[in-house]
Each structure stands twice: as C-alpha cells, then as structure tokens.
Protein backbone atom coordinates (compact mmCIF):
# COMPACT_ATOMS: atom_id res chain seq x y z
CA UNK A 1 25.40 -18.70 -3.87
CA UNK A 2 26.76 -21.50 -1.59
CA UNK A 3 30.37 -20.26 -2.10
CA UNK A 4 29.46 -16.81 -1.09
CA UNK A 5 28.11 -17.91 2.14
CA UNK A 6 30.78 -20.43 2.74
CA UNK A 7 33.52 -17.82 2.50
CA UNK A 8 32.44 -16.08 5.59
CA UNK A 9 32.45 -19.43 7.35
CA UNK A 10 36.08 -20.16 6.42
CA UNK A 11 37.01 -17.00 8.45
CA UNK A 12 37.33 -17.25 12.12
CA UNK A 13 38.20 -14.57 14.63
CA UNK A 14 41.21 -13.83 16.73
CA UNK A 15 40.01 -12.02 19.78
CA UNK A 16 41.94 -9.89 22.19
CA UNK A 17 40.94 -10.02 25.86
CA UNK A 18 41.27 -7.64 29.00
CA UNK A 19 40.23 -4.62 26.97
CA UNK A 20 37.85 -1.63 28.21
CA UNK A 21 35.01 -2.24 25.69
CA UNK A 22 32.43 0.04 27.18
CA UNK A 23 32.31 2.51 24.53
CA UNK A 24 31.53 0.51 21.47
CA UNK A 25 29.71 2.05 18.37
CA UNK A 26 28.73 0.68 15.21
CA UNK A 27 28.55 4.28 13.50
CA UNK A 28 30.43 4.72 10.21
CA UNK A 29 30.78 7.13 7.32
CA UNK A 30 30.31 6.76 3.75
CA UNK A 31 30.66 9.47 1.35
CA UNK A 32 31.10 11.98 4.19
CA UNK A 33 27.77 10.86 5.45
CA UNK A 34 27.28 9.33 8.92
CA UNK A 35 25.36 6.26 9.19
CA UNK A 36 24.22 4.19 12.45
CA UNK A 37 25.61 1.03 11.23
CA UNK A 38 27.89 -0.10 8.32
CA UNK A 39 25.38 -2.00 6.52
CA UNK A 40 22.16 -1.54 4.41
CA UNK A 41 19.75 -3.25 2.25
CA UNK A 42 20.54 -4.36 -1.15
CA UNK A 43 18.46 -3.61 -4.13
CA UNK A 44 15.77 -6.19 -4.42
CA UNK A 45 13.17 -6.69 -7.21
CA UNK A 46 9.50 -7.52 -6.72
CA UNK A 47 9.67 -6.75 -2.85
CA UNK A 48 6.13 -5.28 -3.19
CA UNK A 49 5.23 -8.86 -4.01
CA UNK A 50 7.01 -10.18 -0.79
CA UNK A 51 5.28 -7.56 1.46
CA UNK A 52 2.66 -4.96 1.14
CA UNK A 53 4.20 -1.80 -0.33
CA UNK A 54 7.59 -3.44 0.34
CA UNK A 55 9.85 -1.11 -1.74
CA UNK A 56 8.47 1.90 0.41
CA UNK A 57 8.64 -0.32 3.75
CA UNK A 58 12.22 -1.29 3.28
CA UNK A 59 13.49 2.02 2.32
CA UNK A 60 11.56 3.95 5.19
CA UNK A 61 12.68 1.61 7.72
CA UNK A 62 16.40 1.97 6.44
CA UNK A 63 16.28 5.69 6.51
CA UNK A 64 14.78 5.88 10.12
CA UNK A 65 17.40 3.72 11.46
CA UNK A 66 20.09 5.61 10.02
CA UNK A 67 21.00 3.44 7.02
CA UNK A 68 20.45 2.97 3.12
CA UNK A 69 17.88 0.85 1.09
CA UNK A 70 18.85 0.93 -2.51
CA UNK A 71 15.85 1.20 -4.66
CA UNK A 72 15.66 -1.61 -7.39
CA UNK A 73 15.19 -1.11 -11.32
CA UNK A 74 12.78 -4.23 -11.01
CA UNK A 75 10.75 -2.93 -8.31
CA UNK A 76 6.97 -2.41 -8.73
CA UNK A 77 6.78 0.86 -7.20
CA UNK A 78 7.49 4.12 -9.02
CA UNK A 79 10.84 5.15 -7.88
CA UNK A 80 9.45 8.75 -7.43
CA UNK A 81 7.40 7.27 -4.33
CA UNK A 82 10.19 5.50 -3.16
CA UNK A 83 12.34 8.68 -2.92
CA UNK A 84 9.64 10.82 -1.56
CA UNK A 85 7.87 8.45 1.05
CA UNK A 86 10.62 6.19 1.98
CA UNK A 87 13.38 8.91 1.58
CA UNK A 88 15.55 6.60 -0.44
CA UNK A 89 18.44 8.42 -2.33
CA UNK A 90 20.02 5.24 -3.89
CA UNK A 91 18.77 3.74 -6.95
CA UNK A 92 20.17 0.58 -8.89
CA UNK A 93 19.65 0.48 -12.68
CA UNK A 94 19.82 -2.08 -15.39
CA UNK A 95 20.75 0.08 -18.33
CA UNK A 96 21.27 -1.03 -21.97
CA UNK A 97 24.36 0.44 -24.25
CA UNK A 98 21.88 3.03 -25.37
CA UNK A 99 22.88 6.54 -24.62
CA UNK A 100 19.26 7.76 -25.34
CA UNK A 101 17.85 5.44 -22.96
CA UNK A 102 20.35 5.97 -20.41
CA UNK A 103 20.04 9.75 -20.62
CA UNK A 104 16.13 9.76 -20.17
CA UNK A 105 16.51 7.47 -17.13
CA UNK A 106 19.11 9.65 -15.57
CA UNK A 107 16.87 12.88 -16.09
CA UNK A 108 14.05 10.89 -14.16
CA UNK A 109 16.31 10.05 -11.34
CA UNK A 110 17.69 13.66 -11.31
CA UNK A 111 13.98 14.87 -10.92
CA UNK A 112 13.06 12.52 -8.25
CA UNK A 113 16.39 13.96 -6.32
CA UNK A 114 18.31 10.64 -6.07
CA UNK A 115 21.83 11.22 -5.12
CA UNK A 116 23.45 7.79 -5.84
CA UNK A 117 23.32 5.68 -8.96
CA UNK A 118 24.24 2.09 -8.86
CA UNK A 119 24.99 0.68 -12.10
CA UNK A 120 24.76 -3.24 -12.33
CA UNK A 121 27.22 -4.47 -14.72
CA UNK A 122 26.88 -8.30 -14.48
CA UNK A 123 23.63 -8.88 -16.32
CA UNK A 124 24.48 -8.61 -19.98
CA UNK A 125 21.91 -11.54 -20.19
CA UNK A 126 20.06 -13.19 -17.72
CA UNK A 127 21.56 -16.24 -16.10
CA UNK A 128 20.26 -19.73 -16.54
CA UNK A 129 18.10 -19.65 -13.42
CA UNK A 130 16.97 -23.21 -13.38
CA UNK A 131 15.03 -22.84 -10.12
CA UNK A 132 13.01 -19.94 -11.54
CA UNK A 133 11.96 -22.29 -14.32
CA UNK A 134 10.91 -25.31 -12.15
CA UNK A 135 8.95 -22.98 -10.14
CA UNK A 136 7.26 -20.98 -12.94
CA UNK A 137 8.69 -17.76 -11.82
CA UNK A 138 9.05 -15.52 -14.88
CA UNK A 139 7.99 -11.88 -15.46
CA UNK A 140 5.66 -10.49 -16.47
CA UNK A 141 3.48 -13.61 -14.98
CA UNK A 142 1.19 -15.60 -17.00
CA UNK A 143 -2.10 -16.61 -15.42
CA UNK A 144 -1.91 -20.40 -15.38
CA UNK A 145 -3.82 -23.08 -13.92
CA UNK A 146 -0.84 -23.69 -11.37
CA UNK A 147 -0.63 -20.11 -10.39
CA UNK A 148 -4.14 -19.71 -9.75
CA UNK A 149 -4.13 -22.50 -7.54
CA UNK A 150 -1.06 -21.05 -5.62
CA UNK A 151 -3.24 -17.80 -5.34
CA UNK A 152 -6.02 -20.08 -3.85
CA UNK A 153 -4.02 -22.02 -1.37
CA UNK A 154 -2.32 -18.83 0.00
CA UNK A 155 -5.26 -16.66 0.82
CA UNK A 156 -3.43 -14.43 3.23
CA UNK A 157 -0.78 -13.41 0.65
CA UNK A 158 -3.39 -13.14 -2.19
CA UNK A 159 -5.66 -11.04 -0.07
CA UNK A 160 -3.11 -9.13 2.06
CA UNK A 161 -0.40 -8.48 -0.17
CA UNK A 162 -1.39 -8.66 -3.93
CA UNK A 163 -5.04 -7.87 -3.44
CA UNK A 164 -4.33 -4.99 -1.11
CA UNK A 165 -1.93 -3.57 -3.54
CA UNK A 166 -4.27 -3.94 -6.48
CA UNK A 167 -7.21 -2.40 -4.38
CA UNK A 168 -5.17 0.57 -3.14
CA UNK A 169 -2.99 1.41 -6.33
CA UNK A 170 -4.10 -0.71 -9.14
CA UNK A 171 -2.36 -3.32 -10.89
CA UNK A 172 1.47 -3.36 -10.46
CA UNK A 173 3.78 -2.59 -13.33
CA UNK A 174 7.36 -2.65 -13.90
CA UNK A 175 7.76 1.09 -13.02
CA UNK A 176 11.56 1.81 -13.29
CA UNK A 177 13.47 -0.06 -15.78
CA UNK A 178 13.35 2.60 -18.11
CA UNK A 179 12.30 6.38 -18.14
CA UNK A 180 8.73 5.22 -19.04
CA UNK A 181 6.50 2.81 -17.35
CA UNK A 182 7.14 -0.91 -18.09
CA UNK A 183 4.60 -3.94 -18.69
CA UNK A 184 2.30 -5.00 -16.12
CA UNK A 185 2.88 -7.61 -13.62
CA UNK A 186 0.36 -9.94 -15.37
CA UNK A 187 0.58 -10.12 -19.13
CA UNK A 188 -0.48 -12.67 -21.82
CA UNK A 189 2.87 -11.74 -23.55
CA UNK A 190 6.34 -11.63 -22.27
CA UNK A 191 7.25 -8.10 -23.05
CA UNK A 192 9.80 -6.84 -20.20
CA UNK A 193 12.61 -5.43 -22.19
CA UNK A 194 16.08 -6.69 -21.58
CA UNK A 195 17.32 -5.56 -25.12
CA UNK A 196 20.61 -3.79 -25.15
CA UNK A 197 22.11 -4.84 -21.89
CA UNK A 198 24.65 -7.09 -23.73
CA UNK A 199 25.85 -3.81 -25.46
CA UNK A 200 26.73 -1.99 -22.11
CA UNK A 201 30.49 -1.23 -22.17
CA UNK A 202 33.04 0.83 -20.33
CA UNK A 203 32.58 3.50 -22.83
CA UNK A 204 28.76 3.45 -21.71
CA UNK A 205 29.94 3.63 -18.19
CA UNK A 206 32.11 6.72 -19.24
CA UNK A 207 29.23 8.41 -20.68
CA UNK A 208 26.89 7.72 -17.35
CA UNK A 209 29.89 9.35 -15.69
CA UNK A 210 29.70 12.45 -17.82
CA UNK A 211 26.23 13.10 -17.30
CA UNK A 212 25.48 11.81 -13.75
CA UNK A 213 26.34 14.46 -11.13
CA UNK A 214 25.86 12.33 -8.01
CA UNK A 215 27.85 9.54 -6.79
CA UNK A 216 28.14 6.61 -9.17
CA UNK A 217 28.73 2.88 -7.91
CA UNK A 218 29.75 0.08 -10.20
CA UNK A 219 27.74 -3.20 -9.00
CA UNK A 220 28.97 -6.72 -9.77
CA UNK A 221 32.70 -6.39 -9.54
CA UNK A 222 34.75 -9.50 -8.85
CA UNK A 223 38.10 -8.89 -10.53
CA UNK A 224 40.88 -6.37 -9.59
CA UNK A 225 41.20 -5.29 -13.22
CA UNK A 226 37.56 -4.08 -13.44
CA UNK A 227 37.84 -2.37 -9.96
CA UNK A 228 40.94 -0.40 -11.22
CA UNK A 229 39.33 0.53 -14.57
CA UNK A 230 36.28 1.69 -12.64
CA UNK A 231 38.54 3.94 -10.37
CA UNK A 232 40.28 5.17 -13.55
CA UNK A 233 36.89 6.18 -14.92
CA UNK A 234 35.86 8.48 -12.01
CA UNK A 235 33.64 5.80 -10.28
CA UNK A 236 33.03 6.47 -6.52
CA UNK A 237 32.73 2.97 -5.37
CA UNK A 238 32.29 -0.68 -6.39
CA UNK A 239 29.93 -3.16 -4.92
CA UNK A 240 31.68 -6.52 -4.82
CA UNK A 241 28.86 -9.02 -5.75
CA UNK A 242 28.18 -12.16 -7.65
CA UNK A 243 24.42 -11.10 -7.83
CA UNK A 244 23.33 -13.38 -5.24
CA UNK A 245 24.92 -16.34 -7.09
CA UNK A 246 22.19 -16.16 -9.83
CA UNK A 247 24.18 -15.05 -12.80
CA UNK A 248 27.59 -16.83 -13.71
CA UNK A 249 27.81 -20.39 -11.70
CA UNK A 250 31.04 -21.38 -10.22
CA UNK A 251 32.35 -17.93 -9.80
CA UNK A 252 34.50 -16.54 -6.78
CA UNK A 253 32.94 -15.49 -3.51
CA UNK A 254 32.72 -11.97 -3.10
CA UNK A 255 34.51 -12.19 0.29
CA UNK A 256 37.61 -14.03 -1.17
CA UNK A 257 38.34 -11.11 -3.82
CA UNK A 258 37.65 -8.25 -1.41
CA UNK A 259 41.34 -8.14 0.13
CA UNK A 260 43.03 -8.05 -3.35
CA UNK A 261 40.64 -5.48 -4.69
CA UNK A 262 40.89 -3.14 -1.46
CA UNK A 263 44.95 -3.41 -1.92
CA UNK A 264 44.69 -2.50 -5.54
CA UNK A 265 42.54 0.55 -5.11
CA UNK A 266 43.02 3.97 -3.30
CA UNK A 267 40.15 6.15 -4.19
CA UNK A 268 37.16 3.77 -4.10
CA UNK A 269 34.44 3.14 -1.48
CA UNK A 270 34.59 -0.74 -1.30
CA UNK A 271 31.23 -2.12 -0.85
CA UNK A 272 30.07 -5.79 -0.82
CA UNK A 273 26.92 -8.12 -0.89
CA UNK A 274 26.22 -11.89 -0.95
CA UNK A 275 26.04 -14.36 1.85
CA UNK A 276 25.69 -12.28 4.45
CA UNK A 277 23.70 -13.40 7.39
CA UNK A 278 24.95 -12.31 10.66
CA UNK A 279 26.48 -9.27 12.47
CA UNK A 280 29.76 -11.36 12.73
CA UNK A 281 29.64 -11.51 8.76
CA UNK A 282 29.64 -7.72 8.54
CA UNK A 283 32.54 -7.64 10.91
CA UNK A 284 34.38 -10.07 8.87
CA UNK A 285 33.89 -8.14 5.81
CA UNK A 286 35.06 -4.95 7.25
CA UNK A 287 38.16 -6.61 8.62
CA UNK A 288 39.11 -7.40 5.12
CA UNK A 289 38.62 -3.95 3.78
CA UNK A 290 34.92 -3.23 3.15
CA UNK A 291 33.48 0.10 3.79
CA UNK A 292 30.15 -1.04 3.92
CA UNK A 293 27.88 -4.20 3.24
CA UNK A 294 24.50 -4.96 1.55
CA UNK A 295 22.06 -7.52 2.84
CA UNK A 296 19.11 -8.75 0.69
CA UNK A 297 17.15 -11.75 1.78
CA UNK A 298 16.84 -11.25 5.49
CA UNK A 299 15.26 -7.81 5.29
CA UNK A 300 13.11 -9.14 2.64
CA UNK A 301 11.76 -12.00 5.07
CA UNK A 302 11.53 -9.40 7.71
CA UNK A 303 9.50 -7.06 5.60
CA UNK A 304 7.06 -9.99 4.49
CA UNK A 305 6.30 -10.73 8.31
CA UNK A 306 5.78 -7.28 9.70
CA UNK A 307 6.48 -4.55 7.25
CA UNK A 308 8.56 -1.47 7.95
CA UNK A 309 8.52 -2.53 11.90
CA UNK A 310 9.97 -5.93 11.07
CA UNK A 311 12.64 -4.48 8.80
CA UNK A 312 13.63 -1.94 11.84
CA UNK A 313 13.81 -5.21 14.25
CA UNK A 314 16.16 -7.02 11.81
CA UNK A 315 18.41 -3.83 11.70
CA UNK A 316 18.49 -4.10 15.59
CA UNK A 317 19.17 -7.70 15.56
CA UNK A 318 22.20 -7.23 13.25
CA UNK A 319 23.28 -4.14 15.21
CA UNK A 320 23.25 -5.95 18.53
CA UNK A 321 25.04 -8.96 17.12
CA UNK A 322 27.85 -6.61 15.82
CA UNK A 323 28.10 -4.88 19.38
CA UNK A 324 28.36 -8.14 21.28
CA UNK A 325 31.04 -9.40 18.83
CA UNK A 326 33.03 -6.29 18.99
CA UNK A 327 33.03 -6.74 22.94
CA UNK A 328 34.20 -10.23 22.76
CA UNK A 329 36.65 -9.31 19.97
CA UNK A 330 38.06 -6.45 22.26
CA UNK A 331 37.44 -3.57 20.14
CA UNK A 332 35.11 -0.36 20.45
CA UNK A 333 35.32 1.14 16.93
CA UNK A 334 34.80 -0.35 13.55
CA UNK A 335 38.47 1.21 12.38
CA UNK A 336 40.01 -1.16 14.85
CA UNK A 337 39.40 -4.08 12.53
CA UNK A 338 41.98 -5.37 10.45
CA UNK A 339 43.05 -8.51 8.58
CA UNK A 340 45.11 -9.90 11.52
CA UNK A 341 41.85 -10.15 13.40
CA UNK A 342 40.94 -13.23 11.13
CA UNK A 343 42.42 -16.53 10.41
CA UNK A 344 41.26 -18.77 7.66
CA UNK A 345 40.20 -22.24 8.80
C-alpha cells in the first residue's frame, strides 16, 4: 500500500513556461464515451456502512458529474438499485471458476442493464489482512461485546447510518456476490461464500468473454504477460491494480509497471488505481500511459461526511487541482501529456 503511494512521489514534473493555457480542459473519452474528467470511483465494498445509502450516493454523484462509479460485488445495496437510482453501468465482480454461477450472475447484470463488467482477478484467496484481524473486522459481523461498545460510543453512526438504513430498508445483506442474495450483515456464523475463486482461470475469462455482450475489464493486472494475454482473449481493458495493497504484500506499485504495459499492448484501454490522492497523481498516471484512473478512499470519506454532495465536492477539488496543474505545466489538453513531462527523483 505504501509503495503504491510512494510511486507517485518518486515522479516529478518538468513544466513548460510561456504557453497560452487559457483553454484548459479535463474532458476525455473512454470506449467512445465522453467524460468530464479522466477519473472515477473505484469499487468499494461496505460503502453503505461508511455513508448512508453509500453505494447509490457514490454512483449518483459520479454520474451527475460526468464520470463513473463502479458498483462493487461486496456492496450491501442490490445492484438493481445502484443501476436504476445511481445510474451506474459498471459492475465489479468476484466470480468463482464455476460456469453455472458465472452465467447466472451475468444474466442478472444484463437484466439490470449494466454495460461494463469488471472481473477482479487478484483474489483467488483472501489476503492476510492483519489489520482487519486486529480490528475485529470480518463479514458477516458477529455481535460481540467490543462491537456493541463501538455502537454505543459512536451514536451518530449507529443511528444516522446503520440505524437509518435498517429503518428504511431492513437488515443489510450481501446482495451482489452471486445471482442470489447472500447472507445478512450480522450473522452468528460466517457464511459469506468465497468458494471456487481459487479455480478461476484464463479459460473462465474466455467463457465470460463469450457470454458477456458489453465491455469487459480485467482488474488486478500487474504483469505485462497478463495484460497481453487479456488482450488476446478480447478483453477491452485492464485495471492495473494491487487491490489497495490488501492482497499480495511487497508486490510492485501499479504506477511503476504502467509504462511497460502501455508499450506492450495496442488495443487495450489502460486503467489504473491505487495510491491516487491528488489531481497531480492523475496527471502523472496519464503521462505514463493511463487512459483513466480510479480512486477509492477519498471519495468514501467524502460520502461519509456529506453523502452525494460531499462526493461531488471531492470531484470538483480533484478537477480544479488538475486544471491548476495543467496551467503550471503549460498544457491545455490531456493528450499533451507524455513521459517526457516527468522525471524520476
């Protein structure tokens, strides 16, 4: 996680001066669709626990700003609501190597009118998340004395987020892991299914490509060989990602492998996440070959503070940082960015 963030700190800008930069724009295109900014919201599970109706709030704010929010398989809101009320058309899945379960989920996504499917490939097993173990963060949650004390000591969250959710829509469930509803958020036994993820293979991806009619993205790619193989199978894009540093520890930073993957592929959309915190980070990723960037935690913080208006504010902050930095770099358009605008320090 720290290395993903540090990779952006290792790159410094080389600006050009005395340029007319009065026509600056952050607009971009991805899959022949125009977007106001070259960044969107990464898929994040449990968003409805951080902010009231968080999955819909994130999706709605992104759509209204002219961007994307990817609905997470680990969300607590039915994907149908996220699609209809949040106008989300991108869905991220954790699928097993089981063609029956894959087919059933894809039929559900087609009925909900999703257009882009993001297949996460870097979770054959759950990583050794020691911080979660220390904090008692597991799912479904078990009611313990410690958890009860946390509910009592944070009444604004207990009543304003969790309590409001239960009052409005009942007990949250894991809604989107499969075609059917999963277990409830609180359970006496841990029953959330992760069976079969360690059997997901390239043949599984070939099968998904055969039956999924929309755009197909492979998430969790960090090697050139994997990106090239995805391209050969007809995948439309890859998300260069280390899963927020929560899977394989000590792996390479997404930004460090971005130039190699860009150079080795010609028909893939190259997307990236991990460690992006400022508008300048987005510009660095684009300069090194990214077509689009995804950001998680800052948007979740914004949603937890003020819901959809907070998310819209976060979009504006990042866009304004980009526009200011573009002026200081001496450019008006994102396609003027290239590796020679950066120097490793």
